N, C-alpha and C. Protein backbone atom coordinates (compact mmCIF):
# COMPACT_ATOMS: atom_id res chain seq x y z
N UNK A 1 -13.79 -4.60 -16.45
CA UNK A 1 -12.57 -4.24 -15.72
C UNK A 1 -12.77 -4.56 -14.24
N UNK A 2 -11.75 -5.13 -13.62
CA UNK A 2 -11.84 -5.50 -12.22
C UNK A 2 -11.55 -4.30 -11.31
N UNK A 3 -12.02 -4.41 -10.10
CA UNK A 3 -11.78 -3.37 -9.10
C UNK A 3 -10.32 -3.41 -8.67
N UNK A 4 -9.81 -2.27 -8.27
CA UNK A 4 -8.43 -2.17 -7.80
C UNK A 4 -8.45 -1.73 -6.34
N UNK A 5 -7.80 -2.50 -5.49
CA UNK A 5 -7.76 -2.22 -4.06
C UNK A 5 -6.45 -1.56 -3.66
N UNK A 6 -6.55 -0.60 -2.76
CA UNK A 6 -5.38 -0.03 -2.10
C UNK A 6 -5.30 -0.75 -0.75
N UNK A 7 -4.12 -1.23 -0.41
CA UNK A 7 -3.96 -2.01 0.82
C UNK A 7 -2.70 -1.59 1.55
N UNK A 8 -2.59 -2.04 2.79
CA UNK A 8 -1.38 -1.81 3.56
C UNK A 8 -0.99 -3.08 4.29
N UNK A 9 0.31 -3.27 4.43
CA UNK A 9 0.85 -4.36 5.23
C UNK A 9 1.14 -3.80 6.62
N UNK A 10 0.80 -4.59 7.65
CA UNK A 10 0.97 -4.15 9.03
C UNK A 10 1.84 -5.14 9.80
N UNK A 11 2.60 -4.63 10.78
CA UNK A 11 3.35 -5.53 11.65
C UNK A 11 2.47 -5.92 12.84
N UNK A 12 3.02 -6.67 13.78
CA UNK A 12 2.23 -7.16 14.91
C UNK A 12 1.74 -6.05 15.83
N UNK A 13 2.35 -4.87 15.75
CA UNK A 13 1.92 -3.71 16.53
C UNK A 13 1.00 -2.79 15.72
N UNK A 14 0.58 -3.25 14.55
CA UNK A 14 -0.29 -2.52 13.63
C UNK A 14 0.40 -1.28 13.03
N UNK A 15 1.71 -1.29 13.00
CA UNK A 15 2.45 -0.22 12.32
C UNK A 15 2.46 -0.53 10.83
N UNK A 16 2.32 0.51 10.04
CA UNK A 16 2.26 0.36 8.58
C UNK A 16 3.66 0.11 8.04
N UNK A 17 3.78 -0.98 7.27
CA UNK A 17 5.05 -1.35 6.66
C UNK A 17 5.08 -1.06 5.16
N UNK A 18 3.91 -1.01 4.54
CA UNK A 18 3.86 -0.90 3.08
C UNK A 18 2.46 -0.48 2.63
N UNK A 19 2.40 0.37 1.62
CA UNK A 19 1.15 0.67 0.91
C UNK A 19 1.30 0.15 -0.51
N UNK A 20 0.24 -0.41 -1.05
CA UNK A 20 0.26 -0.89 -2.42
C UNK A 20 -1.13 -0.94 -3.00
N UNK A 21 -1.21 -1.37 -4.25
CA UNK A 21 -2.51 -1.53 -4.90
C UNK A 21 -2.47 -2.77 -5.77
N UNK A 22 -3.62 -3.41 -5.91
CA UNK A 22 -3.71 -4.65 -6.66
C UNK A 22 -5.15 -4.92 -7.06
N UNK A 23 -5.31 -5.76 -8.08
CA UNK A 23 -6.65 -6.22 -8.44
C UNK A 23 -6.90 -7.63 -7.89
N UNK A 24 -5.92 -8.17 -7.14
CA UNK A 24 -6.05 -9.50 -6.55
C UNK A 24 -5.25 -9.55 -5.24
N UNK A 25 -5.94 -9.28 -4.14
CA UNK A 25 -5.27 -9.17 -2.84
C UNK A 25 -4.63 -10.50 -2.43
N UNK A 26 -5.31 -11.60 -2.65
CA UNK A 26 -4.78 -12.91 -2.26
C UNK A 26 -3.46 -13.21 -2.99
N UNK A 27 -3.44 -12.99 -4.30
CA UNK A 27 -2.23 -13.22 -5.08
C UNK A 27 -1.10 -12.31 -4.61
N UNK A 28 -1.42 -11.05 -4.39
CA UNK A 28 -0.40 -10.08 -4.00
C UNK A 28 0.17 -10.39 -2.62
N UNK A 29 -0.67 -10.87 -1.71
CA UNK A 29 -0.20 -11.28 -0.38
C UNK A 29 0.85 -12.37 -0.52
N UNK A 30 0.57 -13.35 -1.35
CA UNK A 30 1.53 -14.43 -1.59
C UNK A 30 2.83 -13.93 -2.18
N UNK A 31 2.74 -12.96 -3.09
CA UNK A 31 3.95 -12.39 -3.69
C UNK A 31 4.81 -11.70 -2.63
N UNK A 32 4.17 -10.96 -1.74
CA UNK A 32 4.93 -10.29 -0.67
C UNK A 32 5.62 -11.32 0.23
N UNK A 33 4.93 -12.39 0.55
CA UNK A 33 5.53 -13.44 1.40
C UNK A 33 6.71 -14.08 0.69
N UNK A 34 6.56 -14.39 -0.60
CA UNK A 34 7.66 -14.98 -1.37
C UNK A 34 8.85 -14.03 -1.48
N UNK A 35 8.58 -12.72 -1.49
CA UNK A 35 9.65 -11.72 -1.57
C UNK A 35 10.38 -11.55 -0.24
N UNK A 36 9.88 -12.22 0.81
CA UNK A 36 10.54 -12.15 2.11
C UNK A 36 10.09 -11.04 3.02
N UNK A 37 9.03 -10.34 2.66
CA UNK A 37 8.53 -9.29 3.53
C UNK A 37 7.91 -9.92 4.77
N UNK A 38 8.24 -9.38 5.94
CA UNK A 38 7.70 -9.86 7.21
C UNK A 38 6.55 -8.93 7.61
N UNK A 39 5.35 -9.49 7.73
CA UNK A 39 4.19 -8.71 8.14
C UNK A 39 3.18 -9.62 8.82
N UNK A 40 2.31 -9.02 9.63
CA UNK A 40 1.32 -9.79 10.39
C UNK A 40 -0.06 -9.75 9.76
N UNK A 41 -0.36 -8.67 9.02
CA UNK A 41 -1.70 -8.54 8.45
C UNK A 41 -1.65 -7.71 7.18
N UNK A 42 -2.63 -7.95 6.33
CA UNK A 42 -2.86 -7.10 5.16
C UNK A 42 -4.26 -6.54 5.31
N UNK A 43 -4.41 -5.26 5.07
CA UNK A 43 -5.68 -4.59 5.28
C UNK A 43 -6.03 -3.77 4.04
N UNK A 44 -7.17 -4.05 3.43
CA UNK A 44 -7.64 -3.25 2.30
C UNK A 44 -8.22 -1.96 2.87
N UNK A 45 -7.73 -0.82 2.38
CA UNK A 45 -8.19 0.46 2.91
C UNK A 45 -9.16 1.18 1.98
N UNK A 46 -9.17 0.81 0.70
CA UNK A 46 -10.15 1.37 -0.24
C UNK A 46 -10.16 0.55 -1.52
N UNK A 47 -11.27 0.63 -2.24
CA UNK A 47 -11.43 -0.09 -3.51
C UNK A 47 -11.92 0.90 -4.55
N UNK A 48 -11.39 0.78 -5.78
CA UNK A 48 -11.65 1.76 -6.83
C UNK A 48 -12.00 1.08 -8.14
N UNK A 49 -12.73 1.80 -8.98
CA UNK A 49 -13.15 1.27 -10.28
C UNK A 49 -12.03 1.31 -11.31
N UNK A 50 -11.02 2.14 -11.08
CA UNK A 50 -9.93 2.24 -12.06
C UNK A 50 -8.57 2.25 -11.36
N UNK A 51 -7.56 1.85 -12.11
CA UNK A 51 -6.19 1.87 -11.60
C UNK A 51 -5.74 3.30 -11.32
N UNK A 52 -6.18 4.23 -12.15
CA UNK A 52 -5.82 5.63 -11.98
C UNK A 52 -6.36 6.17 -10.65
N UNK A 53 -7.61 5.85 -10.33
CA UNK A 53 -8.20 6.29 -9.06
C UNK A 53 -7.49 5.66 -7.87
N UNK A 54 -7.14 4.38 -8.00
CA UNK A 54 -6.42 3.69 -6.92
C UNK A 54 -5.04 4.30 -6.72
N UNK A 55 -4.37 4.63 -7.81
CA UNK A 55 -3.03 5.22 -7.73
C UNK A 55 -3.08 6.57 -7.02
N UNK A 56 -4.12 7.35 -7.31
CA UNK A 56 -4.29 8.64 -6.65
C UNK A 56 -4.53 8.45 -5.15
N UNK A 57 -5.37 7.49 -4.78
CA UNK A 57 -5.65 7.21 -3.37
C UNK A 57 -4.41 6.70 -2.64
N UNK A 58 -3.65 5.83 -3.30
CA UNK A 58 -2.41 5.31 -2.71
C UNK A 58 -1.43 6.46 -2.49
N UNK A 59 -1.30 7.33 -3.47
CA UNK A 59 -0.40 8.48 -3.36
C UNK A 59 -0.78 9.40 -2.21
N UNK A 60 -2.08 9.61 -2.02
CA UNK A 60 -2.54 10.46 -0.92
C UNK A 60 -2.18 9.84 0.43
N UNK A 61 -2.33 8.53 0.55
CA UNK A 61 -1.97 7.85 1.81
C UNK A 61 -0.47 7.91 2.06
N UNK A 62 0.32 7.75 1.00
CA UNK A 62 1.78 7.84 1.13
C UNK A 62 2.20 9.25 1.55
N UNK A 63 1.58 10.26 0.97
CA UNK A 63 1.89 11.64 1.32
C UNK A 63 1.59 11.90 2.79
N UNK A 64 0.42 11.46 3.24
CA UNK A 64 0.02 11.65 4.63
C UNK A 64 1.00 10.93 5.57
N UNK A 65 1.35 9.70 5.23
CA UNK A 65 2.31 8.93 6.05
C UNK A 65 3.62 9.69 6.16
N UNK A 66 4.13 10.17 5.04
CA UNK A 66 5.42 10.87 5.05
C UNK A 66 5.34 12.17 5.85
N UNK A 67 4.21 12.87 5.77
CA UNK A 67 4.04 14.09 6.55
C UNK A 67 4.06 13.79 8.05
N UNK A 68 3.43 12.69 8.44
CA UNK A 68 3.36 12.32 9.86
C UNK A 68 4.65 11.71 10.39
N UNK A 69 5.31 10.88 9.59
CA UNK A 69 6.48 10.13 10.05
C UNK A 69 7.82 10.65 9.54
N UNK A 70 7.79 11.50 8.52
CA UNK A 70 9.04 12.02 7.97
C UNK A 70 9.78 11.04 7.07
N UNK A 71 9.13 9.97 6.71
CA UNK A 71 9.73 8.93 5.86
C UNK A 71 8.60 8.13 5.23
N UNK A 72 8.97 7.27 4.30
CA UNK A 72 7.97 6.38 3.71
C UNK A 72 7.93 5.07 4.51
N UNK A 73 6.90 4.25 4.33
CA UNK A 73 6.86 2.95 5.02
C UNK A 73 8.07 2.09 4.66
N UNK A 74 8.46 1.22 5.57
CA UNK A 74 9.68 0.42 5.46
C UNK A 74 9.85 -0.28 4.11
N UNK A 75 8.81 -0.91 3.60
CA UNK A 75 8.95 -1.71 2.38
C UNK A 75 8.63 -0.96 1.09
N UNK A 76 8.23 0.30 1.17
CA UNK A 76 7.99 1.06 -0.05
C UNK A 76 9.31 1.59 -0.58
N UNK A 77 9.65 1.20 -1.80
CA UNK A 77 10.93 1.61 -2.40
C UNK A 77 10.82 2.96 -3.09
N UNK A 78 9.63 3.30 -3.55
CA UNK A 78 9.39 4.60 -4.16
C UNK A 78 8.27 5.27 -3.39
N UNK A 79 8.26 6.57 -3.40
CA UNK A 79 7.22 7.30 -2.69
C UNK A 79 6.29 7.93 -3.69
N UNK A 80 5.20 7.25 -4.00
CA UNK A 80 4.23 7.75 -4.97
C UNK A 80 3.63 9.07 -4.53
N UNK A 81 3.56 9.29 -3.23
CA UNK A 81 3.01 10.54 -2.72
C UNK A 81 3.78 11.75 -3.23
N UNK A 82 5.10 11.64 -3.31
CA UNK A 82 5.90 12.74 -3.83
C UNK A 82 5.61 12.97 -5.31
N UNK A 83 5.40 11.92 -6.06
CA UNK A 83 5.15 12.03 -7.49
C UNK A 83 3.79 12.65 -7.78
N UNK A 84 2.82 12.35 -6.92
CA UNK A 84 1.46 12.83 -7.15
C UNK A 84 1.18 14.15 -6.44
N UNK A 85 2.04 14.50 -5.49
CA UNK A 85 1.81 15.58 -4.57
C UNK A 85 1.74 16.93 -5.10
């Protein structure tokens, strides 16, 4: 089984635009670009042995973001933090 990374997309001011998880960061970066998302950088924030562990970590980051900002990141359509919280 491959490792699963939790990552975030950042704008030019290093503001978080999106949290996600993938087993292939390069492929996923290309998918975001093809979808029209505008971002300056992608940053892997943690790597996990299972999808379940990555999902839990992603949810924790989303929850923290929402607590600090009162909203989810711009490109996140669902808030996993609420589901896991």
